[in-house]
N, C-alpha and C. Protein backbone atom coordinates (compact mmCIF):
# COMPACT_ATOMS: atom_id res chain seq x y z
N MET A 1 0.59 -1.10 0.17
CA MET A 1 -0.07 -0.37 0.41
C MET A 1 1.02 0.83 0.13
N ALA A 2 1.94 0.98 0.32
CA ALA A 2 2.83 2.17 0.73
C ALA A 2 3.63 2.68 -0.37
N GLY A 3 3.60 2.22 -1.13
CA GLY A 3 4.13 1.49 -3.23
C GLY A 3 3.55 2.88 -3.38
N CYS A 4 1.82 1.79 -2.71
CA CYS A 4 0.45 2.74 -4.07
C CYS A 4 0.79 3.75 -3.39
N CYS A 5 1.15 4.35 -3.00
CA CYS A 5 0.57 5.54 -2.44
C CYS A 5 1.65 6.67 -2.91
N SER A 6 2.86 5.64 -2.63
CA SER A 6 4.23 6.25 -3.09
C SER A 6 3.59 7.06 -4.80
N CYS A 7 3.21 5.92 -5.25
CA CYS A 7 2.68 5.91 -6.91
C CYS A 7 2.08 7.16 -7.16
N GLN A 8 0.66 7.37 -6.57
CA GLN A 8 -0.28 8.17 -6.17
C GLN A 8 0.39 9.52 -6.73
N GLU A 9 0.49 10.22 -5.30
CA GLU A 9 2.18 11.05 -4.95
C GLU A 9 3.12 11.65 -6.07
N THR A 10 3.13 10.55 -6.51
CA THR A 10 4.23 10.61 -8.17
C THR A 10 3.66 11.27 -8.85
N GLN A 11 2.74 10.76 -9.67
CA GLN A 11 1.15 11.00 -10.70
C GLN A 11 0.86 12.32 -10.33
N ALA A 12 0.82 12.40 -9.18
CA ALA A 12 -0.43 13.79 -8.47
C ALA A 12 1.04 15.23 -9.37
N LYS A 13 2.37 14.94 -8.03
CA LYS A 13 3.29 16.02 -8.62
C LYS A 13 3.25 16.23 -10.35
N SER A 14 3.46 14.89 -10.64
CA SER A 14 3.70 15.12 -11.96
C SER A 14 2.79 16.28 -13.27
N ARG A 15 0.97 16.11 -12.30
CA ARG A 15 -0.08 16.53 -12.84
C ARG A 15 0.13 17.80 -12.85
N LYS A 16 0.33 17.93 -11.77
CA LYS A 16 0.90 19.24 -11.70
C LYS A 16 1.86 20.56 -11.89
N PHE A 17 3.14 19.65 -12.05
CA PHE A 17 4.25 20.21 -12.54
C PHE A 17 3.51 20.60 -13.79
N ARG A 18 3.16 19.62 -14.73
CA ARG A 18 2.37 19.52 -16.44
C ARG A 18 1.74 21.27 -16.06
N ASN A 19 1.20 20.88 -15.76
CA ASN A 19 -0.18 22.21 -15.28
C ASN A 19 0.78 23.40 -14.92
N ALA A 20 2.06 23.78 -14.04
CA ALA A 20 2.95 24.64 -14.34
C ALA A 20 3.72 24.68 -15.33
N LEU A 21 4.09 24.18 -16.04
CA LEU A 21 4.99 24.64 -16.95
C LEU A 21 3.68 25.04 -18.47
N TRP A 22 2.52 24.99 -18.35
CA TRP A 22 1.92 25.34 -19.68
C TRP A 22 2.13 26.96 -19.30
N ILE A 23 1.51 27.43 -17.64
CA ILE A 23 1.07 28.23 -17.44
C ILE A 23 2.42 29.33 -17.38
N ALA A 24 3.27 28.52 -17.45
CA ALA A 24 5.09 29.27 -17.30
C ALA A 24 5.66 29.31 -18.49
N LEU A 25 4.57 28.07 -19.13
CA LEU A 25 4.96 28.37 -21.45
C LEU A 25 3.99 30.19 -21.67
N PHE A 26 2.89 29.78 -21.39
CA PHE A 26 1.65 30.83 -21.98
C PHE A 26 2.16 31.92 -21.24
N LEU A 27 2.83 32.54 -20.37
CA LEU A 27 3.83 33.38 -19.98
C LEU A 27 5.52 33.83 -20.43
N ASN A 28 5.54 32.86 -20.72
CA ASN A 28 6.64 33.40 -21.71
C ASN A 28 6.71 33.44 -23.30
N PHE A 29 6.06 32.67 -23.50
CA PHE A 29 5.74 32.72 -25.44
C PHE A 29 4.79 34.10 -24.94
N THR A 30 4.03 34.21 -24.56
CA THR A 30 3.23 35.67 -24.80
C THR A 30 4.85 37.06 -24.28
N MET A 31 5.06 36.75 -23.71
CA MET A 31 6.71 38.30 -23.43
C MET A 31 7.55 38.08 -24.38
N PHE A 32 7.98 36.59 -25.41
CA PHE A 32 8.26 36.41 -26.48
C PHE A 32 7.89 37.36 -27.19
N ILE A 33 6.61 38.09 -27.67
CA ILE A 33 6.31 38.28 -28.46
C ILE A 33 5.61 39.92 -28.02
N VAL A 34 5.83 40.32 -27.19
CA VAL A 34 5.23 41.53 -26.63
C VAL A 34 6.61 42.07 -26.68
N GLU A 35 8.37 40.85 -26.51
CA GLU A 35 9.49 41.74 -26.84
C GLU A 35 10.06 41.98 -27.82
N VAL A 36 9.29 41.34 -28.73
CA VAL A 36 9.77 41.66 -30.02
C VAL A 36 9.05 42.81 -30.71
N THR A 37 7.68 42.96 -30.59
CA THR A 37 7.39 43.80 -30.60
C THR A 37 7.47 45.20 -30.13
N GLY A 38 8.04 44.89 -29.25
CA GLY A 38 7.85 46.17 -28.13
C GLY A 38 9.16 46.62 -29.48
N GLY A 39 10.66 45.98 -29.14
CA GLY A 39 11.76 45.95 -29.71
C GLY A 39 11.63 47.11 -30.88
N ALA A 40 10.71 46.56 -31.80
CA ALA A 40 10.80 46.59 -33.29
C ALA A 40 9.86 48.48 -32.55
N HIS A 41 9.12 48.43 -32.14
CA HIS A 41 8.35 49.71 -31.42
C HIS A 41 9.65 50.90 -31.65
N THR A 42 10.09 50.61 -30.36
CA THR A 42 11.02 51.35 -29.66
C THR A 42 12.29 51.03 -29.89
N GLY A 43 13.47 50.86 -30.70
CA GLY A 43 14.30 50.42 -30.79
C GLY A 43 14.93 49.64 -30.67
N SER A 44 14.71 49.12 -29.59
CA SER A 44 15.75 48.61 -28.59
C SER A 44 16.35 47.41 -28.48
N THR A 45 17.41 47.03 -29.30
CA THR A 45 18.32 45.99 -29.31
C THR A 45 17.91 45.25 -27.90
N SER A 46 18.02 45.70 -26.70
CA SER A 46 18.52 44.58 -25.40
C SER A 46 16.30 43.75 -25.62
N LEU A 47 16.17 44.60 -25.89
CA LEU A 47 14.70 43.90 -25.53
C LEU A 47 14.20 42.83 -26.64
N TRP A 48 14.86 42.87 -27.98
CA TRP A 48 15.13 41.95 -28.57
C TRP A 48 15.79 40.84 -28.16
N ALA A 49 16.85 41.19 -27.81
CA ALA A 49 18.12 40.06 -27.24
C ALA A 49 17.10 39.02 -25.76
N ASP A 50 16.21 40.04 -25.03
CA ASP A 50 15.65 39.10 -24.08
C ASP A 50 14.24 38.21 -24.36
N ALA A 51 14.51 38.92 -25.82
CA ALA A 51 13.27 38.14 -26.77
C ALA A 51 13.59 36.90 -26.41
N LEU A 52 14.94 36.79 -26.92
CA LEU A 52 15.74 35.43 -27.61
C LEU A 52 15.61 34.25 -26.23
N ASP A 53 15.77 35.14 -25.15
CA ASP A 53 16.12 34.18 -23.72
C ASP A 53 14.00 33.49 -23.31
N PHE A 54 13.66 34.84 -23.89
CA PHE A 54 11.86 33.98 -23.57
C PHE A 54 11.42 33.18 -24.45
N ALA A 55 12.11 32.96 -26.16
CA ALA A 55 12.29 31.99 -26.84
C ALA A 55 12.24 30.39 -26.27
N GLY A 56 13.61 30.91 -26.38
CA GLY A 56 14.41 29.13 -25.43
C GLY A 56 13.59 28.88 -24.25
N ASP A 57 13.02 29.33 -23.70
CA ASP A 57 12.92 29.01 -22.64
C ASP A 57 11.27 28.20 -22.84
N SER A 58 10.62 28.54 -23.57
CA SER A 58 9.18 28.73 -24.34
C SER A 58 9.65 26.90 -24.87
N PHE A 59 10.61 27.07 -25.93
CA PHE A 59 10.83 25.61 -26.15
C PHE A 59 10.89 25.06 -25.05
N ASN A 60 11.45 25.58 -24.51
CA ASN A 60 12.44 24.74 -23.11
C ASN A 60 11.15 23.38 -22.42
N TYR A 61 9.73 24.27 -21.94
CA TYR A 61 8.40 23.85 -21.04
C TYR A 61 8.54 23.24 -22.92
N LEU A 62 7.47 23.42 -24.09
CA LEU A 62 7.11 23.03 -25.00
C LEU A 62 7.41 21.78 -24.55
N ILE A 63 8.83 21.26 -25.04
CA ILE A 63 10.10 20.09 -24.28
C ILE A 63 9.54 19.80 -23.85
N SER A 64 9.49 19.76 -22.00
CA SER A 64 9.10 19.53 -20.63
C SER A 64 7.65 18.97 -20.91
N ILE A 65 6.66 19.56 -22.01
CA ILE A 65 4.98 18.51 -21.58
C ILE A 65 5.22 17.75 -22.46
N PHE A 66 5.85 17.71 -23.34
CA PHE A 66 5.47 16.26 -25.04
C PHE A 66 6.29 15.70 -25.46
N VAL A 67 7.91 16.02 -25.47
CA VAL A 67 9.85 15.20 -25.08
C VAL A 67 9.56 14.00 -25.25
N LEU A 68 9.42 14.76 -23.17
CA LEU A 68 10.20 13.44 -22.40
C LEU A 68 10.02 12.43 -21.79
N GLY A 69 8.51 11.68 -22.35
CA GLY A 69 7.95 10.58 -22.17
C GLY A 69 8.78 9.83 -23.95
N LEU A 70 9.39 10.69 -24.92
CA LEU A 70 9.64 10.22 -25.80
C LEU A 70 11.34 9.92 -25.93
N GLY A 71 11.55 8.96 -26.66
CA GLY A 71 13.40 8.52 -26.78
C GLY A 71 13.98 8.92 -26.78
N LEU A 72 14.89 9.19 -26.38
CA LEU A 72 16.86 9.58 -26.33
C LEU A 72 16.49 10.76 -27.85
N TYR A 73 16.60 10.05 -29.23
CA TYR A 73 16.94 10.18 -30.28
C TYR A 73 15.58 11.51 -30.54
N TRP A 74 13.98 11.29 -29.84
CA TRP A 74 12.91 12.85 -30.75
C TRP A 74 13.58 13.85 -29.64
N ARG A 75 14.17 13.41 -28.65
CA ARG A 75 14.28 14.27 -27.17
C ARG A 75 15.66 15.94 -27.70
N ALA A 76 16.23 14.60 -28.41
CA ALA A 76 18.04 15.42 -28.97
C ALA A 76 17.47 16.00 -30.24
N THR A 77 16.36 15.42 -30.79
CA THR A 77 15.86 16.03 -32.34
C THR A 77 15.49 18.12 -31.91
N ALA A 78 15.13 17.30 -30.92
CA ALA A 78 14.03 18.95 -30.41
C ALA A 78 14.41 19.29 -29.80
N ALA A 79 15.90 19.18 -28.77
CA ALA A 79 16.58 20.03 -28.59
C ALA A 79 17.07 20.45 -29.91
N LEU A 80 17.86 20.47 -31.25
CA LEU A 80 18.56 20.09 -31.58
C LEU A 80 18.10 21.61 -32.46
N LEU A 81 16.42 21.43 -33.01
CA LEU A 81 15.88 22.42 -32.87
C LEU A 81 15.66 23.70 -32.61
N LYS A 82 15.61 23.42 -31.77
CA LYS A 82 16.20 24.82 -30.31
C LYS A 82 17.01 25.06 -30.86
N GLY A 83 18.23 25.06 -30.03
CA GLY A 83 19.08 25.15 -30.82
C GLY A 83 19.81 26.79 -32.21
N LEU A 84 19.11 25.50 -32.45
CA LEU A 84 19.35 25.81 -34.04
C LEU A 84 18.66 27.52 -34.44
N MET A 85 17.15 27.05 -33.70
CA MET A 85 16.44 28.72 -34.06
C MET A 85 16.78 29.54 -32.74
N MET A 86 17.55 29.27 -31.56
CA MET A 86 17.82 30.25 -30.91
C MET A 86 19.01 31.02 -31.93
N LEU A 87 20.38 30.15 -32.78
CA LEU A 87 21.13 30.80 -33.03
C LEU A 87 21.09 31.46 -34.40
N VAL A 88 19.69 31.22 -35.42
CA VAL A 88 19.29 31.38 -35.43
C VAL A 88 18.97 33.71 -35.10
N PHE A 89 17.98 33.06 -34.30
CA PHE A 89 17.57 34.50 -33.62
C PHE A 89 19.20 35.53 -33.00
N ALA A 90 19.32 34.18 -32.43
CA ALA A 90 20.27 36.02 -31.89
C ALA A 90 21.67 36.33 -33.51
N PHE A 91 21.67 36.34 -34.02
CA PHE A 91 22.44 36.40 -35.11
C PHE A 91 21.50 37.36 -36.31
N ILE A 92 20.46 37.37 -36.05
CA ILE A 92 19.57 38.72 -36.14
C ILE A 92 19.43 39.65 -35.58
N VAL A 93 19.33 39.32 -33.93
CA VAL A 93 19.87 40.36 -32.90
C VAL A 93 20.86 41.52 -32.83
N LEU A 94 21.92 40.46 -33.54
CA LEU A 94 23.91 40.63 -33.75
C LEU A 94 23.66 41.70 -34.64
N GLY A 95 22.78 41.26 -35.72
CA GLY A 95 22.47 41.96 -36.97
C GLY A 95 21.69 43.49 -36.75
N LYS A 96 21.02 43.62 -36.11
CA LYS A 96 20.07 44.84 -35.15
C LYS A 96 20.99 45.63 -34.33
N VAL A 97 22.26 45.18 -33.80
CA VAL A 97 23.47 45.66 -32.36
C VAL A 97 24.05 46.34 -33.64
N VAL A 98 24.70 45.30 -34.96
CA VAL A 98 25.43 47.03 -35.77
C VAL A 98 24.99 48.35 -36.50
N TRP A 99 23.45 47.24 -36.73
CA TRP A 99 22.84 48.51 -37.05
C TRP A 99 22.16 49.35 -36.52
N SER A 100 22.09 49.51 -34.91
CA SER A 100 22.14 50.34 -34.15
C SER A 100 23.07 51.24 -33.81
N TYR A 101 24.41 50.79 -33.75
CA TYR A 101 25.52 51.54 -33.79
C TYR A 101 25.91 52.11 -34.71
N ILE A 102 25.71 51.31 -36.52
CA ILE A 102 26.12 52.96 -37.09
C ILE A 102 25.52 53.58 -36.95
N HIS A 103 23.56 53.97 -36.60
CA HIS A 103 23.13 55.29 -37.01
C HIS A 103 22.53 55.68 -35.43
N SER A 104 23.47 55.05 -34.01
CA SER A 104 23.48 56.15 -33.41
C SER A 104 22.24 55.80 -32.39
N VAL A 105 20.55 55.58 -33.62
CA VAL A 105 20.00 56.10 -32.83
C VAL A 105 19.31 55.72 -31.46
N PRO A 106 19.12 55.93 -30.51
CA PRO A 106 18.76 55.77 -29.10
C PRO A 106 17.20 55.03 -29.11
N PRO A 107 16.77 53.66 -28.19
CA PRO A 107 15.33 53.57 -28.03
C PRO A 107 14.96 54.44 -26.92
N GLU A 108 13.79 53.78 -27.66
CA GLU A 108 12.32 55.03 -26.60
C GLU A 108 12.04 54.30 -25.02
N ALA A 109 12.85 55.16 -24.29
CA ALA A 109 13.41 54.76 -22.66
C ALA A 109 12.22 54.48 -22.03
N ILE A 110 11.15 55.43 -22.60
CA ILE A 110 10.09 54.34 -20.79
C ILE A 110 9.93 53.54 -21.07
N THR A 111 9.33 53.37 -22.84
CA THR A 111 8.33 52.45 -23.34
C THR A 111 9.09 51.42 -22.95
N MET A 112 10.58 50.93 -23.32
CA MET A 112 11.42 49.67 -22.97
C MET A 112 11.77 49.51 -21.50
N GLY A 113 11.42 50.42 -20.33
CA GLY A 113 11.89 50.44 -19.21
C GLY A 113 10.05 49.83 -19.14
N ILE A 114 9.12 49.74 -19.34
CA ILE A 114 8.10 49.36 -19.25
C ILE A 114 8.16 47.71 -19.32
N ILE A 115 8.33 47.75 -20.87
CA ILE A 115 8.24 45.90 -21.21
C ILE A 115 9.65 45.97 -20.30
N GLY A 116 10.42 46.29 -20.02
CA GLY A 116 11.05 44.99 -19.08
C GLY A 116 11.05 45.09 -18.57
N THR A 117 10.20 45.29 -17.10
CA THR A 117 9.45 45.53 -15.75
C THR A 117 7.58 44.38 -16.08
N LEU A 118 7.62 44.50 -17.33
CA LEU A 118 6.43 43.17 -17.51
C LEU A 118 6.99 42.14 -17.43
N ALA A 119 8.79 41.78 -18.56
CA ALA A 119 9.14 40.98 -18.19
C ALA A 119 9.43 40.15 -16.98
N LEU A 120 10.45 41.20 -16.43
CA LEU A 120 10.86 41.04 -14.77
C LEU A 120 9.35 39.99 -13.98
N ILE A 121 8.60 40.55 -14.42
CA ILE A 121 7.62 40.66 -13.25
C ILE A 121 6.89 38.72 -13.73
N ALA A 122 7.38 38.34 -14.69
CA ALA A 122 6.97 37.25 -15.87
C ALA A 122 7.42 36.01 -15.36
N ASN A 123 8.57 36.64 -15.71
CA ASN A 123 9.69 35.83 -15.24
C ASN A 123 9.80 35.23 -13.39
N ILE A 124 9.48 35.66 -12.50
CA ILE A 124 9.58 36.61 -11.04
C ILE A 124 7.72 35.60 -11.33
N LEU A 125 6.69 35.57 -11.10
CA LEU A 125 5.69 34.91 -11.26
C LEU A 125 6.12 33.60 -12.19
N THR A 126 6.80 33.07 -13.21
CA THR A 126 7.19 31.80 -13.47
C THR A 126 7.95 31.37 -12.31
N ALA A 127 8.73 31.86 -11.35
CA ALA A 127 10.19 31.35 -10.81
C ALA A 127 8.69 30.78 -9.71
N LEU A 128 8.19 31.23 -8.97
CA LEU A 128 7.37 31.15 -8.17
C LEU A 128 6.58 30.31 -8.59
N ILE A 129 5.44 30.38 -9.30
CA ILE A 129 4.84 29.16 -10.18
C ILE A 129 5.33 27.78 -10.05
N LEU A 130 7.12 27.44 -10.53
CA LEU A 130 7.21 26.68 -10.52
C LEU A 130 8.43 26.41 -9.25
N TYR A 131 8.56 26.78 -8.58
CA TYR A 131 9.24 27.03 -7.41
C TYR A 131 8.84 25.73 -6.07
N ALA A 132 8.43 24.89 -6.17
CA ALA A 132 7.09 23.93 -6.05
C ALA A 132 8.52 22.96 -6.16
N PHE A 133 9.11 23.42 -6.90
CA PHE A 133 9.04 22.05 -7.85
C PHE A 133 10.69 21.97 -7.92
N ARG A 134 11.47 22.91 -6.86
CA ARG A 134 12.47 23.67 -7.06
C ARG A 134 13.26 22.11 -6.71
N ASP A 135 12.81 21.06 -5.40
CA ASP A 135 13.41 20.25 -5.23
C ASP A 135 13.45 18.87 -5.93
N GLY A 136 12.39 18.96 -6.47
CA GLY A 136 12.12 17.19 -7.64
C GLY A 136 13.44 17.14 -7.87
N GLU A 137 13.01 16.15 -9.65
CA GLU A 137 14.09 15.45 -10.42
C GLU A 137 15.38 16.45 -10.86
N ALA A 138 15.93 16.42 -11.62
CA ALA A 138 16.14 16.64 -12.66
C ALA A 138 16.21 17.84 -13.52
N ASN A 139 15.29 17.32 -13.95
CA ASN A 139 13.89 18.24 -15.67
C ASN A 139 13.17 19.71 -14.43
N MET A 140 12.62 18.94 -13.23
CA MET A 140 11.62 20.16 -12.32
C MET A 140 13.02 21.26 -11.88
N LYS A 141 13.79 20.96 -11.76
CA LYS A 141 15.11 21.83 -10.34
C LYS A 141 15.77 22.77 -11.92
N SER A 142 15.78 21.64 -12.68
CA SER A 142 16.50 23.08 -14.01
C SER A 142 15.49 24.25 -14.59
N VAL A 143 14.07 23.90 -14.83
CA VAL A 143 13.82 24.95 -15.57
C VAL A 143 13.29 26.20 -14.18
N TRP A 144 12.95 25.45 -12.85
CA TRP A 144 12.79 26.74 -12.12
C TRP A 144 14.26 27.20 -11.73
N LEU A 145 15.58 26.85 -12.05
CA LEU A 145 16.36 27.46 -11.88
C LEU A 145 16.55 28.52 -13.33
N CYS A 146 16.41 28.17 -14.57
CA CYS A 146 16.30 28.98 -15.47
C CYS A 146 15.95 30.24 -15.25
N SER A 147 13.93 29.77 -15.19
CA SER A 147 13.03 30.84 -14.83
C SER A 147 13.23 32.49 -13.45
N ARG A 148 14.99 31.54 -13.19
CA ARG A 148 15.45 32.31 -11.79
C ARG A 148 16.48 33.42 -11.78
N ASN A 149 16.59 32.42 -12.89
CA ASN A 149 18.25 33.58 -13.95
C ASN A 149 18.03 34.15 -14.59
N ASP A 150 16.73 33.92 -15.70
CA ASP A 150 17.00 34.52 -16.08
C ASP A 150 15.97 36.30 -15.96
N ALA A 151 15.96 36.55 -14.25
CA ALA A 151 15.49 36.85 -13.77
C ALA A 151 16.72 38.19 -14.56
N ILE A 152 17.49 37.78 -13.68
CA ILE A 152 19.09 38.75 -13.92
C ILE A 152 18.62 39.79 -15.27
N GLY A 153 18.74 39.08 -15.96
CA GLY A 153 17.92 38.68 -18.08
C GLY A 153 17.65 40.48 -17.70
N ASN A 154 16.01 40.66 -17.31
CA ASN A 154 15.46 41.17 -16.91
C ASN A 154 15.35 42.52 -16.35
N ILE A 155 15.62 42.80 -15.49
CA ILE A 155 17.08 43.51 -14.17
C ILE A 155 17.81 44.51 -15.25
N ALA A 156 18.86 43.84 -16.44
CA ALA A 156 19.63 44.36 -17.26
C ALA A 156 19.11 44.82 -17.96
N VAL A 157 18.22 44.89 -18.44
CA VAL A 157 16.97 45.02 -19.44
C VAL A 157 16.27 46.81 -18.97
N VAL A 158 16.19 46.34 -17.78
CA VAL A 158 15.78 47.67 -16.84
C VAL A 158 16.72 48.62 -17.15
N LEU A 159 18.27 48.16 -16.36
CA LEU A 159 18.76 49.08 -16.20
C LEU A 159 19.31 50.21 -17.63
N ALA A 160 19.33 48.56 -18.79
CA ALA A 160 19.30 49.86 -19.86
C ALA A 160 18.72 50.80 -20.06
N ALA A 161 17.49 51.05 -20.19
CA ALA A 161 16.73 51.56 -20.11
C ALA A 161 17.01 53.37 -19.28
N VAL A 162 17.31 53.06 -18.27
CA VAL A 162 17.51 53.89 -17.48
C VAL A 162 19.23 54.21 -17.97
N GLY A 163 19.90 53.39 -18.20
CA GLY A 163 21.28 54.56 -18.77
C GLY A 163 20.34 54.82 -19.64
N VAL A 164 20.23 54.95 -20.71
CA VAL A 164 19.47 55.37 -22.30
C VAL A 164 18.50 56.61 -21.71
N PHE A 165 17.75 57.07 -20.52
CA PHE A 165 17.43 57.84 -20.34
C PHE A 165 17.82 59.05 -19.85
N GLY A 166 18.68 58.52 -19.57
CA GLY A 166 19.81 59.36 -18.57
C GLY A 166 20.61 59.37 -18.92
N THR A 167 21.23 59.34 -20.55
CA THR A 167 22.20 59.56 -21.04
C THR A 167 21.79 59.79 -22.71
N GLN A 168 20.60 60.24 -23.40
CA GLN A 168 20.12 59.39 -24.71
C GLN A 168 20.61 59.57 -25.97
N GLN A 169 21.91 58.64 -24.49
CA GLN A 169 22.98 57.50 -26.12
C GLN A 169 22.07 56.29 -26.45
N VAL A 170 22.56 55.16 -26.84
CA VAL A 170 22.38 54.10 -27.59
C VAL A 170 22.70 53.05 -26.64
N TRP A 171 24.15 52.86 -26.52
CA TRP A 171 25.03 52.34 -26.04
C TRP A 171 24.81 51.75 -25.06
N PRO A 172 23.73 52.52 -24.21
CA PRO A 172 23.96 51.22 -22.81
C PRO A 172 22.89 49.80 -22.88
N ASP A 173 21.89 49.98 -24.50
CA ASP A 173 21.20 49.27 -24.84
C ASP A 173 22.18 48.51 -25.35
N LEU A 174 23.63 48.80 -25.97
CA LEU A 174 23.91 47.62 -27.05
C LEU A 174 24.12 46.97 -25.78
N ILE A 175 25.17 47.33 -25.18
CA ILE A 175 26.16 46.93 -24.63
C ILE A 175 25.33 45.22 -23.49
N VAL A 176 24.03 45.80 -23.11
CA VAL A 176 23.12 45.38 -22.46
C VAL A 176 22.56 43.88 -23.30
N ALA A 177 22.68 44.61 -25.13
CA ALA A 177 22.28 43.53 -26.07
C ALA A 177 23.07 42.14 -26.65
N LEU A 178 24.11 42.82 -26.46
CA LEU A 178 25.57 42.24 -26.31
C LEU A 178 26.01 41.49 -26.08
N ILE A 179 25.56 41.29 -24.31
CA ILE A 179 25.97 40.20 -22.84
C ILE A 179 24.88 39.34 -23.17
N MET A 180 23.91 39.55 -23.49
CA MET A 180 23.28 38.90 -23.81
C MET A 180 22.75 38.18 -24.80
N ILE A 181 23.30 38.28 -26.11
CA ILE A 181 23.86 37.29 -27.57
C ILE A 181 25.22 36.50 -27.30
N LEU A 182 25.75 37.76 -27.13
CA LEU A 182 26.84 36.17 -26.35
C LEU A 182 26.70 35.00 -25.52
N LEU A 183 25.86 35.09 -24.64
CA LEU A 183 25.15 34.12 -23.51
C LEU A 183 24.54 33.27 -24.88
N GLY A 184 23.72 33.62 -25.33
CA GLY A 184 22.46 33.17 -26.24
C GLY A 184 23.17 32.29 -27.26
N LEU A 185 24.44 32.84 -27.82
CA LEU A 185 24.79 32.02 -28.96
C LEU A 185 25.97 31.00 -28.06
N SER A 186 26.00 30.66 -26.77
CA SER A 186 27.36 30.14 -26.25
C SER A 186 25.96 29.18 -25.84
N SER A 187 24.90 29.07 -25.48
CA SER A 187 23.73 28.33 -25.02
C SER A 187 23.45 27.89 -25.93
N SER A 188 23.55 28.18 -27.58
CA SER A 188 22.70 27.24 -28.22
C SER A 188 23.95 26.89 -28.68
N LEU A 189 24.39 26.71 -29.20
CA LEU A 189 25.84 25.65 -29.78
C LEU A 189 25.59 24.50 -28.70
N THR A 190 26.21 25.00 -27.31
CA THR A 190 26.44 24.19 -26.35
C THR A 190 25.56 23.34 -26.63
N ILE A 191 23.73 23.58 -27.01
CA ILE A 191 22.46 22.96 -27.33
C ILE A 191 23.07 22.08 -28.45
N ILE A 192 23.46 22.56 -29.39
CA ILE A 192 23.52 22.03 -31.26
C ILE A 192 24.24 21.03 -30.64
N ARG A 193 26.02 21.17 -29.76
CA ARG A 193 26.72 19.75 -29.53
C ARG A 193 26.14 19.07 -29.15
N THR A 194 25.56 19.31 -28.13
CA THR A 194 25.05 17.74 -27.10
C THR A 194 23.74 17.21 -27.62
N SER A 195 23.10 17.85 -28.63
CA SER A 195 22.16 17.51 -29.25
C SER A 195 22.17 16.15 -30.30
N TRP A 196 23.04 16.60 -31.39
CA TRP A 196 24.13 16.18 -32.47
C TRP A 196 24.54 14.77 -31.98
N LYS A 197 25.60 15.07 -30.45
CA LYS A 197 25.28 13.70 -29.90
C LYS A 197 25.22 12.39 -29.52
N GLU A 198 24.01 13.58 -28.98
CA GLU A 198 22.74 12.35 -28.25
C GLU A 198 22.30 11.28 -29.07
N ARG A 199 22.31 12.38 -30.56
CA ARG A 199 21.46 12.29 -32.29
C ARG A 199 21.65 10.61 -32.05
N ILE A 200 23.37 10.86 -32.27
CA ILE A 200 24.49 9.87 -32.49
C ILE A 200 24.44 8.44 -31.26
N GLN A 201 24.17 9.05 -30.97
CA GLN A 201 24.39 7.51 -29.74
C GLN A 201 23.06 6.73 -29.86
N ALA A 202 22.03 7.63 -30.17
CA ALA A 202 20.61 6.82 -29.53
C ALA A 202 20.62 6.58 -31.36
N LYS A 203 21.07 6.36 -31.81
CA LYS A 203 21.23 5.77 -33.48
C LYS A 203 21.83 4.51 -33.36
N LEU A 204 23.19 4.97 -32.71
CA LEU A 204 23.84 3.76 -32.61
C LEU A 204 23.61 3.10 -31.41
N GLY A 205 22.98 3.76 -30.69
CA GLY A 205 22.17 3.04 -29.53
C GLY A 205 21.29 1.59 -29.89
């Protein structure tokens, strides 16, 4: 009976975790759309760079919901697609950095700061929703840690908005964007290498 109770508790926790992931997916994908649109409207490159992070997180949650029950090959394939998507978007944002540097047009700081604050709130809510699973298995723990750490990037965007507002220059936005792009490029390349190796292992296995 004890084993049966333990099984029911595990299933209940898995259902709660899945529901939490759906909420986190909705919040992150919504903020991805908001930041891409807001970045285009305000001319902020750091908003686009932060949108890259929201896109990666959304894909993570989607994988956690749908793919984890499948075999290693399909999990690795999904991760490979995520890495390639992040890589392409990172280069798009990098192109935006170059364009902004050449034209030296500062973004609209107030709207940029508002969107950055909304993004911070979204990540804090996501972290709170996933907080109950912080001591679970590796996947549960990792998604909570990612949400917690993403809030740092949102704070950086808000600080960039303050810097742009105070200096009326474009460089605070570009510095934050470059840092986030480098992190995004590093993450995407790591994901691509790891998922490619796992795909090969799955085929050989």
